[in-house]
Amino acid sequence: MTAQFPPPVPESEPRLLSHEELEAALRDIGARRYHNLHPFHRLLHDGQLSKDQVRAWA
């Protein structure tokens, strides 16, 4: 589910993304990089960290 960015425009100024293109690109980035996907976040919310690890994070 990767958003397709429009090909570069060979002009001196690149064109702006449409509302729909921008939203699709941001949703794609969020789906791949949102903090809930980070291994530390998963361990924290699964209760698998030690108290010292949580203290270091806080």
C-alpha atoms as a PDB file:
ATOM      1  CA  MET A   1       0.000   0.000   0.000  1.00  0.00           C
ATOM      2  CA  THR A   2       2.622   2.488  -1.068  1.00  0.00           C
ATOM      3  CA  ALA A   3       1.416   5.862  -2.263  1.00  0.00           C
ATOM      4  CA  GLN A   4       2.543   6.663  -5.750  1.00  0.00           C
ATOM      5  CA  PHE A   5       4.210  10.026  -5.955  1.00  0.00           C
ATOM      6  CA  PRO A   6       3.782  11.801  -9.261  1.00  0.00           C
ATOM      7  CA  PRO A   7       6.873  11.762 -11.475  1.00  0.00           C
ATOM      8  CA  PRO A   8       9.118  14.814 -11.257  1.00  0.00           C
ATOM      9  CA  VAL A   9       8.124  17.657 -13.521  1.00  0.00           C
ATOM     10  CA  PRO A  10      11.046  18.808 -15.675  1.00  0.00           C
ATOM     11  CA  GLU A  11      10.312  22.449 -14.951  1.00  0.00           C
ATOM     12  CA  SER A  12      12.263  24.921 -12.904  1.00  0.00           C
ATOM     13  CA  GLU A  13       9.563  24.769 -10.211  1.00  0.00           C
ATOM     14  CA  PRO A  14       8.060  21.437  -9.187  1.00  0.00           C
ATOM     15  CA  ARG A  15       4.284  21.316  -9.130  1.00  0.00           C
ATOM     16  CA  LEU A  16       2.422  21.102  -5.858  1.00  0.00           C
ATOM     17  CA  LEU A  17       0.679  17.870  -4.964  1.00  0.00           C
ATOM     18  CA  SER A  18      -3.073  17.868  -5.148  1.00  0.00           C
ATOM     19  CA  HIS A  19      -5.007  17.527  -1.896  1.00  0.00           C
ATOM     20  CA  GLU A  20      -5.638  13.858  -2.682  1.00  0.00           C
ATOM     21  CA  GLU A  21      -1.996  13.159  -3.598  1.00  0.00           C
ATOM     22  CA  LEU A  22      -0.709  14.866  -0.459  1.00  0.00           C
ATOM     23  CA  GLU A  23      -3.168  13.004   1.757  1.00  0.00           C
ATOM     24  CA  ALA A  24      -2.234   9.662   0.168  1.00  0.00           C
ATOM     25  CA  ALA A  25       1.482  10.384   0.617  1.00  0.00           C
ATOM     26  CA  LEU A  26       1.061  11.387   4.271  1.00  0.00           C
ATOM     27  CA  ARG A  27      -1.121   8.361   5.018  1.00  0.00           C
ATOM     28  CA  ASP A  28       1.497   6.103   3.448  1.00  0.00           C
ATOM     29  CA  ILE A  29       4.268   7.636   5.566  1.00  0.00           C
ATOM     30  CA  GLY A  30       2.105   7.312   8.675  1.00  0.00           C
ATOM     31  CA  ALA A  31       1.299   3.679   7.942  1.00  0.00           C
ATOM     32  CA  ARG A  32       4.993   2.843   7.617  1.00  0.00           C
ATOM     33  CA  ARG A  33       6.569   5.108  10.237  1.00  0.00           C
ATOM     34  CA  TYR A  34       4.024   5.880  12.958  1.00  0.00           C
ATOM     35  CA  HIS A  35       5.465   5.536  16.470  1.00  0.00           C
ATOM     36  CA  ASN A  36       3.194   2.624  17.387  1.00  0.00           C
ATOM     37  CA  LEU A  37       5.209   0.451  14.992  1.00  0.00           C
ATOM     38  CA  HIS A  38       8.497   1.078  16.801  1.00  0.00           C
ATOM     39  CA  PRO A  39       9.770  -2.024  18.643  1.00  0.00           C
ATOM     40  CA  PHE A  40      10.208  -0.084  21.910  1.00  0.00           C
ATOM     41  CA  HIS A  41       6.614   1.165  21.761  1.00  0.00           C
ATOM     42  CA  ARG A  42       5.359  -2.375  21.221  1.00  0.00           C
ATOM     43  CA  LEU A  43       7.385  -3.696  24.154  1.00  0.00           C
ATOM     44  CA  LEU A  44       6.156  -0.869  26.380  1.00  0.00           C
ATOM     45  CA  HIS A  45       2.495  -1.463  25.616  1.00  0.00           C
ATOM     46  CA  ASP A  46       2.846  -5.241  25.787  1.00  0.00           C
ATOM     47  CA  GLY A  47       4.237  -4.910  29.326  1.00  0.00           C
ATOM     48  CA  GLN A  48       7.563  -6.489  28.405  1.00  0.00           C
ATOM     49  CA  LEU A  49       9.887  -3.746  29.659  1.00  0.00           C
ATOM     50  CA  SER A  50      11.577  -3.724  33.034  1.00  0.00           C
ATOM     51  CA  LYS A  51      10.901  -0.898  35.475  1.00  0.00           C
ATOM     52  CA  ASP A  52      14.383   0.455  34.768  1.00  0.00           C
ATOM     53  CA  GLN A  53      13.692   0.549  31.026  1.00  0.00           C
ATOM     54  CA  VAL A  54      10.450   2.455  31.607  1.00  0.00           C
ATOM     55  CA  ARG A  55      12.224   4.852  33.992  1.00  0.00           C
ATOM     56  CA  ALA A  56      14.927   5.501  31.390  1.00  0.00           C
ATOM     57  CA  TRP A  57      12.246   6.214  28.794  1.00  0.00           C
ATOM     58  CA  ALA A  58      10.300   8.540  31.117  1.00  0.00           C
END
